Amino acid sequence: MVAMRRLVASMRGAEPAGAAPAEQASTDLRADLAELAERTGPHVDLQLELDREVPQEVSRSALRLVQEALTNTDKHGSDVTSVRILVRAPHEHLHVKITDNGSGRSTAPVGGSGGYGLVGMRERIELLGGRFSAGPGERSGWRVEAWLPLAEREAG
């Protein structure tokens, strides 16, 4: 897997998944998300409703999803003053929703984005058998949302 990730990353001109220091998750999703929210630019309202254990791979993917969404908000968001992150495990899925209060107008970063943010998020979530959605928010801003299965998938 590591070799395949490096190959795909080199084809994209990006770091392989798991290579960036900020992506390294601990075994405590709550603490990782709280730390991330604390060091983020705009005000972050972090809402965690986790009353069950989250598998390590799901935790890592959820953390990476939030990191990438916050990076995109910083790079592309316009007039963003706050971000809301909701992470909950109501049933058999971990639900992650990141919304910002920006104007909804995208700004292009200097030199272009150079990344595969939304594509990478979608791929990461779908590899785990989850669902991914991103687009304009209900009233304004931008929304990124994912549902990750908490149970192990059967091979077959």
C-alpha atoms as a PDB file:
ATOM      1  CA  MET A   1       0.000   0.000   0.000  1.00  0.00           C
ATOM      2  CA  VAL A   2       2.770   2.431   0.880  1.00  0.00           C
ATOM      3  CA  ALA A   3       4.447   1.925  -2.490  1.00  0.00           C
ATOM      4  CA  MET A   4       1.132   2.402  -4.309  1.00  0.00           C
ATOM      5  CA  ARG A   5       0.402   5.610  -2.381  1.00  0.00           C
ATOM      6  CA  ARG A   6       3.837   6.961  -3.236  1.00  0.00           C
ATOM      7  CA  LEU A   7       3.343   6.104  -6.904  1.00  0.00           C
ATOM      8  CA  VAL A   8      -0.053   7.812  -7.058  1.00  0.00           C
ATOM      9  CA  ALA A   9       1.266  10.796  -5.100  1.00  0.00           C
ATOM     10  CA  SER A  10       4.253  11.172  -7.401  1.00  0.00           C
ATOM     11  CA  MET A  11       1.911  11.099 -10.400  1.00  0.00           C
ATOM     12  CA  ARG A  12      -0.110  13.865  -8.765  1.00  0.00           C
ATOM     13  CA  GLY A  13       2.969  15.718  -7.564  1.00  0.00           C
ATOM     14  CA  ALA A  14       1.792  15.516  -3.956  1.00  0.00           C
ATOM     15  CA  GLU A  15       2.794  13.952  -0.674  1.00  0.00           C
ATOM     16  CA  PRO A  16       1.457  10.435  -0.155  1.00  0.00           C
ATOM     17  CA  ALA A  17      -1.392  10.014   2.308  1.00  0.00           C
ATOM     18  CA  GLY A  18      -0.037   9.743   5.819  1.00  0.00           C
ATOM     19  CA  ALA A  19       3.262  11.439   4.992  1.00  0.00           C
ATOM     20  CA  ALA A  20       2.471  14.936   6.212  1.00  0.00           C
ATOM     21  CA  PRO A  21       3.230  15.385   9.937  1.00  0.00           C
ATOM     22  CA  ALA A  22      -0.106  17.130  10.537  1.00  0.00           C
ATOM     23  CA  GLU A  23      -1.931  14.056   9.303  1.00  0.00           C
ATOM     24  CA  GLN A  24      -0.525  11.689  11.912  1.00  0.00           C
ATOM     25  CA  ALA A  25      -3.469  10.788  14.121  1.00  0.00           C
ATOM     26  CA  SER A  26      -3.167   9.554  17.661  1.00  0.00           C
ATOM     27  CA  THR A  27      -5.630   7.051  19.066  1.00  0.00           C
ATOM     28  CA  ASP A  28      -7.752   9.884  20.505  1.00  0.00           C
ATOM     29  CA  LEU A  29      -9.938  11.480  17.820  1.00  0.00           C
ATOM     30  CA  ARG A  30     -11.393  13.967  20.330  1.00  0.00           C
ATOM     31  CA  ALA A  31      -7.963  15.261  21.310  1.00  0.00           C
ATOM     32  CA  ASP A  32      -6.714  15.382  17.706  1.00  0.00           C
ATOM     33  CA  LEU A  33      -9.731  17.401  16.562  1.00  0.00           C
ATOM     34  CA  ALA A  34      -9.553  19.724  19.580  1.00  0.00           C
ATOM     35  CA  GLU A  35      -5.875  20.413  18.878  1.00  0.00           C
ATOM     36  CA  LEU A  36      -6.595  21.040  15.208  1.00  0.00           C
ATOM     37  CA  ALA A  37      -9.489  23.399  16.013  1.00  0.00           C
ATOM     38  CA  GLU A  38      -7.321  25.294  18.481  1.00  0.00           C
ATOM     39  CA  ARG A  39      -4.577  26.056  15.969  1.00  0.00           C
ATOM     40  CA  THR A  40      -6.897  27.015  13.088  1.00  0.00           C
ATOM     41  CA  GLY A  41      -7.208  30.602  11.808  1.00  0.00           C
ATOM     42  CA  PRO A  42     -10.889  31.592  11.989  1.00  0.00           C
ATOM     43  CA  HIS A  43     -12.998  30.850  15.052  1.00  0.00           C
ATOM     44  CA  VAL A  44     -13.841  27.133  15.152  1.00  0.00           C
ATOM     45  CA  ASP A  45     -16.931  25.771  16.876  1.00  0.00           C
ATOM     46  CA  LEU A  46     -16.137  22.098  17.479  1.00  0.00           C
ATOM     47  CA  GLN A  47     -19.063  19.871  18.387  1.00  0.00           C
ATOM     48  CA  LEU A  48     -18.230  16.270  19.268  1.00  0.00           C
ATOM     49  CA  GLU A  49     -20.889  13.666  19.953  1.00  0.00           C
ATOM     50  CA  LEU A  50     -18.801  10.526  20.295  1.00  0.00           C
ATOM     51  CA  ASP A  51     -20.083   7.946  22.735  1.00  0.00           C
ATOM     52  CA  ARG A  52     -18.391   4.954  21.117  1.00  0.00           C
ATOM     53  CA  GLU A  53     -14.941   3.918  20.012  1.00  0.00           C
ATOM     54  CA  VAL A  54     -13.970   4.908  16.492  1.00  0.00           C
ATOM     55  CA  PRO A  55     -11.665   2.529  14.562  1.00  0.00           C
ATOM     56  CA  GLN A  56      -8.175   3.963  13.943  1.00  0.00           C
ATOM     57  CA  GLU A  57      -8.494   4.074  10.139  1.00  0.00           C
ATOM     58  CA  VAL A  58     -11.840   5.880  10.401  1.00  0.00           C
ATOM     59  CA  SER A  59     -10.360   8.320  12.954  1.00  0.00           C
ATOM     60  CA  ARG A  60      -7.397   9.031  10.707  1.00  0.00           C
ATOM     61  CA  SER A  61      -9.667   9.602   7.697  1.00  0.00           C
ATOM     62  CA  ALA A  62     -12.000  11.855   9.677  1.00  0.00           C
ATOM     63  CA  LEU A  63      -9.076  13.912  10.957  1.00  0.00           C
ATOM     64  CA  ARG A  64      -7.623  14.198   7.452  1.00  0.00           C
ATOM     65  CA  LEU A  65     -11.009  15.229   6.074  1.00  0.00           C
ATOM     66  CA  VAL A  66     -11.294  18.022   8.649  1.00  0.00           C
ATOM     67  CA  GLN A  67      -7.702  19.134   7.981  1.00  0.00           C
ATOM     68  CA  GLU A  68      -8.274  19.323   4.243  1.00  0.00           C
ATOM     69  CA  ALA A  69     -11.617  21.114   4.633  1.00  0.00           C
ATOM     70  CA  LEU A  70      -9.985  23.708   6.911  1.00  0.00           C
ATOM     71  CA  THR A  71      -7.118  24.126   4.449  1.00  0.00           C
ATOM     72  CA  ASN A  72      -9.614  24.676   1.631  1.00  0.00           C
ATOM     73  CA  THR A  73     -11.523  27.201   3.737  1.00  0.00           C
ATOM     74  CA  ASP A  74      -8.287  29.083   4.352  1.00  0.00           C
ATOM     75  CA  LYS A  75      -7.178  28.927   0.696  1.00  0.00           C
ATOM     76  CA  HIS A  76     -10.482  29.444  -1.102  1.00  0.00           C
ATOM     77  CA  GLY A  77     -13.000  30.856   1.363  1.00  0.00           C
ATOM     78  CA  SER A  78     -14.083  34.449   1.110  1.00  0.00           C
ATOM     79  CA  ASP A  79     -15.053  36.501   4.175  1.00  0.00           C
ATOM     80  CA  VAL A  80     -14.893  33.440   6.472  1.00  0.00           C
ATOM     81  CA  THR A  81     -14.969  34.385  10.154  1.00  0.00           C
ATOM     82  CA  SER A  82     -16.095  31.080  11.656  1.00  0.00           C
ATOM     83  CA  VAL A  83     -16.109  27.383  10.915  1.00  0.00           C
ATOM     84  CA  ARG A  84     -18.367  24.788  12.487  1.00  0.00           C
ATOM     85  CA  ILE A  85     -17.159  21.195  12.793  1.00  0.00           C
ATOM     86  CA  LEU A  86     -19.647  18.527  13.830  1.00  0.00           C
ATOM     87  CA  VAL A  87     -18.415  14.984  14.425  1.00  0.00           C
ATOM     88  CA  ARG A  88     -20.896  12.457  15.728  1.00  0.00           C
ATOM     89  CA  ALA A  89     -21.519   8.745  15.730  1.00  0.00           C
ATOM     90  CA  PRO A  90     -25.310   8.389  15.957  1.00  0.00           C
ATOM     91  CA  HIS A  91     -25.592   4.828  14.656  1.00  0.00           C
ATOM     92  CA  GLU A  92     -23.405   2.732  12.401  1.00  0.00           C
ATOM     93  CA  HIS A  93     -21.634   5.713  10.789  1.00  0.00           C
ATOM     94  CA  LEU A  94     -19.305   8.474  11.871  1.00  0.00           C
ATOM     95  CA  HIS A  95     -20.835  11.679  10.507  1.00  0.00           C
ATOM     96  CA  VAL A  96     -18.411  14.556   9.875  1.00  0.00           C
ATOM     97  CA  LYS A  97     -19.704  17.950   8.745  1.00  0.00           C
ATOM     98  CA  ILE A  98     -17.609  21.078   8.259  1.00  0.00           C
ATOM     99  CA  THR A  99     -19.319  24.345   7.342  1.00  0.00           C
ATOM    100  CA  ASP A 100     -18.087  27.901   7.138  1.00  0.00           C
ATOM    101  CA  ASN A 101     -19.910  31.232   7.121  1.00  0.00           C
ATOM    102  CA  GLY A 102     -18.123  32.691   4.096  1.00  0.00           C
ATOM    103  CA  SER A 103     -19.786  34.570   1.288  1.00  0.00           C
ATOM    104  CA  GLY A 104     -19.680  31.500  -0.934  1.00  0.00           C
ATOM    105  CA  ARG A 105     -17.460  33.219  -3.478  1.00  0.00           C
ATOM    106  CA  SER A 106     -14.317  31.203  -4.077  1.00  0.00           C
ATOM    107  CA  THR A 107     -10.980  32.927  -4.202  1.00  0.00           C
ATOM    108  CA  ALA A 108      -8.099  31.381  -6.101  1.00  0.00           C
ATOM    109  CA  PRO A 109      -4.877  31.108  -4.115  1.00  0.00           C
ATOM    110  CA  VAL A 110      -1.762  32.781  -5.510  1.00  0.00           C
ATOM    111  CA  GLY A 111      -0.132  30.357  -7.940  1.00  0.00           C
ATOM    112  CA  GLY A 112      -3.231  28.149  -8.163  1.00  0.00           C
ATOM    113  CA  SER A 113      -4.271  25.451  -5.725  1.00  0.00           C
ATOM    114  CA  GLY A 114      -1.928  22.763  -7.026  1.00  0.00           C
ATOM    115  CA  GLY A 115      -3.807  20.157  -5.017  1.00  0.00           C
ATOM    116  CA  TYR A 116      -6.398  17.474  -5.217  1.00  0.00           C
ATOM    117  CA  GLY A 117      -8.339  18.443  -2.098  1.00  0.00           C
ATOM    118  CA  LEU A 118     -11.915  17.477  -2.956  1.00  0.00           C
ATOM    119  CA  VAL A 119     -10.841  14.543  -5.121  1.00  0.00           C
ATOM    120  CA  GLY A 120      -8.563  13.248  -2.380  1.00  0.00           C
ATOM    121  CA  MET A 121     -11.265  13.648   0.276  1.00  0.00           C
ATOM    122  CA  ARG A 122     -13.787  11.763  -1.842  1.00  0.00           C
ATOM    123  CA  GLU A 123     -11.308   8.967  -2.619  1.00  0.00           C
ATOM    124  CA  ARG A 124     -10.301   8.573   1.032  1.00  0.00           C
ATOM    125  CA  ILE A 125     -13.904   8.355   2.211  1.00  0.00           C
ATOM    126  CA  GLU A 126     -15.054   6.015  -0.561  1.00  0.00           C
ATOM    127  CA  LEU A 127     -12.109   3.659   0.017  1.00  0.00           C
ATOM    128  CA  LEU A 128     -13.555   3.042   3.475  1.00  0.00           C
ATOM    129  CA  GLY A 129     -17.033   2.437   2.053  1.00  0.00           C
ATOM    130  CA  GLY A 130     -18.312   5.867   3.071  1.00  0.00           C
ATOM    131  CA  ARG A 131     -20.203   8.674   1.370  1.00  0.00           C
ATOM    132  CA  PHE A 132     -18.864  12.157   0.642  1.00  0.00           C
ATOM    133  CA  SER A 133     -20.543  15.413  -0.275  1.00  0.00           C
ATOM    134  CA  ALA A 134     -19.237  18.955  -0.756  1.00  0.00           C
ATOM    135  CA  GLY A 135     -20.788  22.146  -2.055  1.00  0.00           C
ATOM    136  CA  PRO A 136     -22.330  25.471  -1.151  1.00  0.00           C
ATOM    137  CA  GLY A 137     -23.784  25.747   2.358  1.00  0.00           C
ATOM    138  CA  GLU A 138     -27.497  25.974   3.084  1.00  0.00           C
ATOM    139  CA  ARG A 139     -27.470  29.752   3.579  1.00  0.00           C
ATOM    140  CA  SER A 140     -23.929  30.777   2.683  1.00  0.00           C
ATOM    141  CA  GLY A 141     -20.368  29.539   2.743  1.00  0.00           C
ATOM    142  CA  TRP A 142     -19.207  26.040   1.965  1.00  0.00           C
ATOM    143  CA  ARG A 143     -20.047  22.590   3.329  1.00  0.00           C
ATOM    144  CA  VAL A 144     -18.054  19.341   3.406  1.00  0.00           C
ATOM    145  CA  GLU A 145     -19.796  16.266   4.741  1.00  0.00           C
ATOM    146  CA  ALA A 146     -18.941  12.581   5.079  1.00  0.00           C
ATOM    147  CA  TRP A 147     -20.426   9.432   6.536  1.00  0.00           C
ATOM    148  CA  LEU A 148     -17.865   6.748   7.419  1.00  0.00           C
ATOM    149  CA  PRO A 149     -18.931   3.229   8.413  1.00  0.00           C
ATOM    150  CA  LEU A 150     -17.863   2.275  11.931  1.00  0.00           C
ATOM    151  CA  ALA A 151     -18.135  -1.490  11.398  1.00  0.00           C
ATOM    152  CA  GLU A 152     -15.510  -3.505   9.562  1.00  0.00           C
ATOM    153  CA  ARG A 153     -16.454  -4.249   5.957  1.00  0.00           C
ATOM    154  CA  GLU A 154     -16.579  -7.876   4.945  1.00  0.00           C
ATOM    155  CA  ALA A 155     -14.272  -8.948   2.149  1.00  0.00           C
ATOM    156  CA  GLY A 156     -16.032 -10.231  -0.887  1.00  0.00           C
END
